[in-house]
PDB file of N, CA and C in Angstrom:
ATOM      1  N   MET A   1      58.537 230.676 113.012  1.00  0.00           N
ATOM      2  CA  MET A   1      59.182 231.804 113.659  1.00  0.00           C
ATOM      3  C   MET A   1      59.219 231.557 115.167  1.00  0.00           C
ATOM      4  N   THR A   2      60.315 231.873 115.802  1.00  0.00           N
ATOM      5  CA  THR A   2      60.482 231.676 117.233  1.00  0.00           C
ATOM      6  C   THR A   2      59.907 232.861 118.000  1.00  0.00           C
ATOM      7  N   GLU A   3      59.151 232.551 119.041  1.00  0.00           N
ATOM      8  CA  GLU A   3      58.597 233.602 119.894  1.00  0.00           C
ATOM      9  C   GLU A   3      59.636 233.992 120.945  1.00  0.00           C
ATOM     10  N   VAL A   4      59.792 235.277 121.152  1.00  0.00           N
ATOM     11  CA  VAL A   4      60.748 235.773 122.128  1.00  0.00           C
ATOM     12  C   VAL A   4      59.983 236.495 123.226  1.00  0.00           C
ATOM     13  N   ASN A   5      60.211 236.098 124.462  1.00  0.00           N
ATOM     14  CA  ASN A   5      59.602 236.764 125.608  1.00  0.00           C
ATOM     15  C   ASN A   5      60.644 237.653 126.261  1.00  0.00           C
ATOM     16  N   VAL A   6      60.274 238.884 126.524  1.00  0.00           N
ATOM     17  CA  VAL A   6      61.172 239.821 127.180  1.00  0.00           C
ATOM     18  C   VAL A   6      60.742 239.948 128.635  1.00  0.00           C
ATOM     19  N   ILE A   7      61.700 239.797 129.538  1.00  0.00           N
ATOM     20  CA  ILE A   7      61.434 239.916 130.969  1.00  0.00           C
ATOM     21  C   ILE A   7      62.209 241.111 131.478  1.00  0.00           C
ATOM     22  N   ASN A   8      61.510 242.073 132.020  1.00  0.00           N
ATOM     23  CA  ASN A   8      62.168 243.237 132.608  1.00  0.00           C
ATOM     24  C   ASN A   8      62.449 242.946 134.076  1.00  0.00           C
ATOM     25  N   ILE A   9      63.713 243.024 134.438  1.00  0.00           N
ATOM     26  CA  ILE A   9      64.113 242.736 135.809  1.00  0.00           C
ATOM     27  C   ILE A   9      64.109 244.044 136.592  1.00  0.00           C
ATOM     28  N   ASN A  10      63.099 244.205 137.420  1.00  0.00           N
ATOM     29  CA  ASN A  10      63.008 245.404 138.239  1.00  0.00           C
ATOM     30  C   ASN A  10      63.834 245.272 139.503  1.00  0.00           C
ATOM     31  N   SER A  11      63.889 244.082 140.036  1.00  0.00           N
ATOM     32  CA  SER A  11      64.603 243.846 141.280  1.00  0.00           C
ATOM     33  C   SER A  11      65.190 242.437 141.244  1.00  0.00           C
ATOM     34  N   PRO A  12      66.505 242.302 141.247  1.00  0.00           N
ATOM     35  CA  PRO A  12      67.095 240.965 141.196  1.00  0.00           C
ATOM     36  C   PRO A  12      66.838 240.202 142.495  1.00  0.00           C
ATOM     37  N   PHE A  13      66.940 238.890 142.394  1.00  0.00           N
ATOM     38  CA  PHE A  13      66.817 238.048 143.581  1.00  0.00           C
ATOM     39  C   PHE A  13      68.160 238.070 144.300  1.00  0.00           C
ATOM     40  N   LEU A  14      68.185 238.522 145.524  1.00  0.00           N
ATOM     41  CA  LEU A  14      69.442 238.690 146.252  1.00  0.00           C
ATOM     42  C   LEU A  14      70.061 237.372 146.690  1.00  0.00           C
ATOM     43  N   ASP A  15      69.270 236.275 146.673  1.00  0.00           N
ATOM     44  CA  ASP A  15      69.805 234.993 147.128  1.00  0.00           C
ATOM     45  C   ASP A  15      70.418 234.175 146.001  1.00  0.00           C
ATOM     46  N   GLN A  16      70.399 234.693 144.779  1.00  0.00           N
ATOM     47  CA  GLN A  16      71.003 233.956 143.673  1.00  0.00           C
ATOM     48  C   GLN A  16      72.510 234.163 143.691  1.00  0.00           C
ATOM     49  N   LYS A  17      73.245 233.040 143.673  1.00  0.00           N
ATOM     50  CA  LYS A  17      74.702 233.079 143.727  1.00  0.00           C
ATOM     51  C   LYS A  17      75.254 232.226 142.592  1.00  0.00           C
ATOM     52  N   PRO A  18      76.426 232.579 142.071  1.00  0.00           N
ATOM     53  CA  PRO A  18      77.017 231.756 141.021  1.00  0.00           C
ATOM     54  C   PRO A  18      77.460 230.401 141.563  1.00  0.00           C
ATOM     55  N   GLY A  19      77.573 229.450 140.687  1.00  0.00           N
ATOM     56  CA  GLY A  19      78.027 228.119 141.082  1.00  0.00           C
ATOM     57  C   GLY A  19      76.875 227.248 141.524  1.00  0.00           C
ATOM     58  N   THR A  20      77.200 226.053 141.970  1.00  0.00           N
ATOM     59  CA  THR A  20      76.156 225.090 142.321  1.00  0.00           C
ATOM     60  C   THR A  20      75.399 225.483 143.580  1.00  0.00           C
ATOM     61  N   SER A  21      75.977 226.337 144.426  1.00  0.00           N
ATOM     62  CA  SER A  21      75.252 226.742 145.630  1.00  0.00           C
ATOM     63  C   SER A  21      73.989 227.516 145.262  1.00  0.00           C
ATOM     64  N   GLY A  22      74.016 228.186 144.119  1.00  0.00           N
ATOM     65  CA  GLY A  22      72.833 228.903 143.673  1.00  0.00           C
ATOM     66  C   GLY A  22      71.724 227.987 143.209  1.00  0.00           C
ATOM     67  N   LEU A  23      72.073 226.754 142.883  1.00  0.00           N
ATOM     68  CA  LEU A  23      71.077 225.796 142.428  1.00  0.00           C
ATOM     69  C   LEU A  23      70.429 225.038 143.573  1.00  0.00           C
ATOM     70  N   ARG A  24      70.951 225.162 144.745  1.00  0.00           N
ATOM     71  CA  ARG A  24      70.414 224.425 145.894  1.00  0.00           C
ATOM     72  C   ARG A  24      69.267 225.199 146.542  1.00  0.00           C
ATOM     73  N   LYS A  25      68.219 225.337 145.788  1.00  0.00           N
ATOM     74  CA  LYS A  25      67.031 226.047 146.275  1.00  0.00           C
ATOM     75  C   LYS A  25      65.861 225.088 146.229  1.00  0.00           C
ATOM     76  N   SER A  26      64.852 225.388 146.995  1.00  0.00           N
ATOM     77  CA  SER A  26      63.660 224.543 147.001  1.00  0.00           C
ATOM     78  C   SER A  26      62.896 224.705 145.692  1.00  0.00           C
ATOM     79  N   THR A  27      62.078 223.728 145.388  1.00  0.00           N
ATOM     80  CA  THR A  27      61.227 223.804 144.195  1.00  0.00           C
ATOM     81  C   THR A  27      60.342 225.029 144.258  1.00  0.00           C
ATOM     82  N   LEU A  28      59.827 225.348 145.435  1.00  0.00           N
ATOM     83  CA  LEU A  28      58.957 226.523 145.573  1.00  0.00           C
ATOM     84  C   LEU A  28      59.699 227.806 145.211  1.00  0.00           C
ATOM     85  N   LYS A  29      60.977 227.870 145.555  1.00  0.00           N
ATOM     86  CA  LYS A  29      61.768 229.055 145.219  1.00  0.00           C
ATOM     87  C   LYS A  29      61.908 229.199 143.702  1.00  0.00           C
ATOM     88  N   PHE A  30      62.215 228.085 143.023  1.00  0.00           N
ATOM     89  CA  PHE A  30      62.369 228.133 141.579  1.00  0.00           C
ATOM     90  C   PHE A  30      61.042 228.380 140.862  1.00  0.00           C
ATOM     91  N   GLN A  31      59.924 228.154 141.558  1.00  0.00           N
ATOM     92  CA  GLN A  31      58.621 228.406 140.955  1.00  0.00           C
ATOM     93  C   GLN A  31      58.189 229.861 141.090  1.00  0.00           C
ATOM     94  N   GLU A  32      58.961 230.668 141.806  1.00  0.00           N
ATOM     95  CA  GLU A  32      58.633 232.089 141.892  1.00  0.00           C
ATOM     96  C   GLU A  32      58.758 232.703 140.503  1.00  0.00           C
ATOM     97  N   GLU A  33      57.959 233.711 140.241  1.00  0.00           N
ATOM     98  CA  GLU A  33      57.905 234.309 138.919  1.00  0.00           C
ATOM     99  C   GLU A  33      59.281 234.769 138.443  1.00  0.00           C
ATOM    100  N   HIS A  34      59.712 234.235 137.305  1.00  0.00           N
ATOM    101  CA  HIS A  34      60.954 234.593 136.604  1.00  0.00           C
ATOM    102  C   HIS A  34      62.234 234.226 137.345  1.00  0.00           C
ATOM    103  N   TYR A  35      62.158 233.443 138.415  1.00  0.00           N
ATOM    104  CA  TYR A  35      63.362 233.082 139.171  1.00  0.00           C
ATOM    105  C   TYR A  35      64.360 232.325 138.295  1.00  0.00           C
ATOM    106  N   LEU A  36      63.878 231.284 137.626  1.00  0.00           N
ATOM    107  CA  LEU A  36      64.774 230.473 136.808  1.00  0.00           C
ATOM    108  C   LEU A  36      65.291 231.249 135.607  1.00  0.00           C
ATOM    109  N   GLU A  37      64.436 232.033 134.966  1.00  0.00           N
ATOM    110  CA  GLU A  37      64.865 232.811 133.809  1.00  0.00           C
ATOM    111  C   GLU A  37      65.976 233.786 134.167  1.00  0.00           C
ATOM    112  N   ILE A  38      65.839 234.456 135.291  1.00  0.00           N
ATOM    113  CA  ILE A  38      66.849 235.426 135.722  1.00  0.00           C
ATOM    114  C   ILE A  38      68.146 234.709 136.093  1.00  0.00           C
ATOM    115  N   PHE A  39      68.037 233.542 136.715  1.00  0.00           N
ATOM    116  CA  PHE A  39      69.213 232.768 137.084  1.00  0.00           C
ATOM    117  C   PHE A  39      69.992 232.354 135.833  1.00  0.00           C
ATOM    118  N   ILE A  40      69.286 231.850 134.820  1.00  0.00           N
ATOM    119  CA  ILE A  40      69.940 231.428 133.585  1.00  0.00           C
ATOM    120  C   ILE A  40      70.533 232.622 132.853  1.00  0.00           C
ATOM    121  N   GLU A  41      69.815 233.739 132.838  1.00  0.00           N
ATOM    122  CA  GLU A  41      70.341 234.944 132.194  1.00  0.00           C
ATOM    123  C   GLU A  41      71.642 235.396 132.850  1.00  0.00           C
ATOM    124  N   ALA A  42      71.716 235.306 134.169  1.00  0.00           N
ATOM    125  CA  ALA A  42      72.929 235.701 134.879  1.00  0.00           C
ATOM    126  C   ALA A  42      74.103 234.794 134.500  1.00  0.00           C
ATOM    127  N   ILE A  43      73.838 233.503 134.358  1.00  0.00           N
ATOM    128  CA  ILE A  43      74.894 232.575 133.965  1.00  0.00           C
ATOM    129  C   ILE A  43      75.366 232.885 132.552  1.00  0.00           C
ATOM    130  N   LEU A  44      74.416 233.068 131.631  1.00  0.00           N
ATOM    131  CA  LEU A  44      74.787 233.358 130.244  1.00  0.00           C
ATOM    132  C   LEU A  44      75.515 234.689 130.128  1.00  0.00           C
ATOM    133  N   GLY A  45      75.150 235.657 130.947  1.00  0.00           N
ATOM    134  CA  GLY A  45      75.809 236.952 130.931  1.00  0.00           C
ATOM    135  C   GLY A  45      77.248 236.898 131.389  1.00  0.00           C
ATOM    136  N   SER A  46      77.605 235.842 132.103  1.00  0.00           N
ATOM    137  CA  SER A  46      78.977 235.716 132.597  1.00  0.00           C
ATOM    138  C   SER A  46      79.888 234.987 131.612  1.00  0.00           C
ATOM    139  N   LEU A  47      79.328 234.472 130.525  1.00  0.00           N
ATOM    140  CA  LEU A  47      80.101 233.697 129.546  1.00  0.00           C
ATOM    141  C   LEU A  47      80.401 234.536 128.309  1.00  0.00           C
ATOM    142  N   ASP A  48      81.517 234.248 127.682  1.00  0.00           N
ATOM    143  CA  ASP A  48      81.912 234.934 126.454  1.00  0.00           C
ATOM    144  C   ASP A  48      81.771 233.998 125.256  1.00  0.00           C
ATOM    145  N   ASP A  49      81.607 234.593 124.087  1.00  0.00           N
ATOM    146  CA  ASP A  49      81.654 233.879 122.818  1.00  0.00           C
ATOM    147  C   ASP A  49      80.689 232.687 122.770  1.00  0.00           C
ATOM    148  N   LEU A  50      79.391 232.966 122.889  1.00  0.00           N
ATOM    149  CA  LEU A  50      78.384 231.906 122.853  1.00  0.00           C
ATOM    150  C   LEU A  50      77.810 231.662 121.465  1.00  0.00           C
ATOM    151  N   GLU A  51      78.279 232.412 120.462  1.00  0.00           N
ATOM    152  CA  GLU A  51      77.758 232.244 119.120  1.00  0.00           C
ATOM    153  C   GLU A  51      77.956 230.812 118.645  1.00  0.00           C
ATOM    154  N   ARG A  52      76.902 230.246 118.081  1.00  0.00           N
ATOM    155  CA  ARG A  52      76.882 228.873 117.571  1.00  0.00           C
ATOM    156  C   ARG A  52      77.051 227.837 118.669  1.00  0.00           C
ATOM    157  N   SER A  53      76.697 228.168 119.893  1.00  0.00           N
ATOM    158  CA  SER A  53      76.772 227.236 121.013  1.00  0.00           C
ATOM    159  C   SER A  53      75.413 226.603 121.242  1.00  0.00           C
ATOM    160  N   THR A  54      75.408 225.513 121.980  1.00  0.00           N
ATOM    161  CA  THR A  54      74.177 224.843 122.351  1.00  0.00           C
ATOM    162  C   THR A  54      74.049 224.873 123.866  1.00  0.00           C
ATOM    163  N   LEU A  55      72.890 225.263 124.332  1.00  0.00           N
ATOM    164  CA  LEU A  55      72.620 225.303 125.776  1.00  0.00           C
ATOM    165  C   LEU A  55      71.758 224.110 126.130  1.00  0.00           C
ATOM    166  N   VAL A  56      72.206 223.319 127.099  1.00  0.00           N
ATOM    167  CA  VAL A  56      71.440 222.180 127.587  1.00  0.00           C
ATOM    168  C   VAL A  56      71.139 222.419 129.048  1.00  0.00           C
ATOM    169  N   VAL A  57      69.857 222.456 129.385  1.00  0.00           N
ATOM    170  CA  VAL A  57      69.437 222.659 130.772  1.00  0.00           C
ATOM    171  C   VAL A  57      68.736 221.389 131.218  1.00  0.00           C
ATOM    172  N   GLY A  58      69.164 220.852 132.331  1.00  0.00           N
ATOM    173  CA  GLY A  58      68.571 219.609 132.819  1.00  0.00           C
ATOM    174  C   GLY A  58      68.600 219.569 134.329  1.00  0.00           C
ATOM    175  N   GLY A  59      68.064 218.547 134.853  1.00  0.00           N
ATOM    176  CA  GLY A  59      68.038 218.389 136.305  1.00  0.00           C
ATOM    177  C   GLY A  59      68.050 216.923 136.662  1.00  0.00           C
ATOM    178  N   GLY A  60      68.268 216.666 137.887  1.00  0.00           N
ATOM    179  CA  GLY A  60      68.311 215.276 138.331  1.00  0.00           C
ATOM    180  C   GLY A  60      67.952 215.182 139.795  1.00  0.00           C
ATOM    181  N   TRP A  61      68.000 214.007 140.273  1.00  0.00           N
ATOM    182  CA  TRP A  61      67.636 213.791 141.667  1.00  0.00           C
ATOM    183  C   TRP A  61      68.856 213.750 142.501  1.00  0.00           C
TER     184      TRP A  61
END
């Protein structure tokens, strides 16, 4: 069985922007509590028809 974690967003991060400019943050910024989860949720919320889709998250240098 898959474990599901629920994150309640009380206050969004005001510096998160769509597109690659939103990804140009320091490692320390992405290590803030729930920063990455909220960023990914915002991206997924902007997409339609994700049923039977595969999400690949990666990074590089």
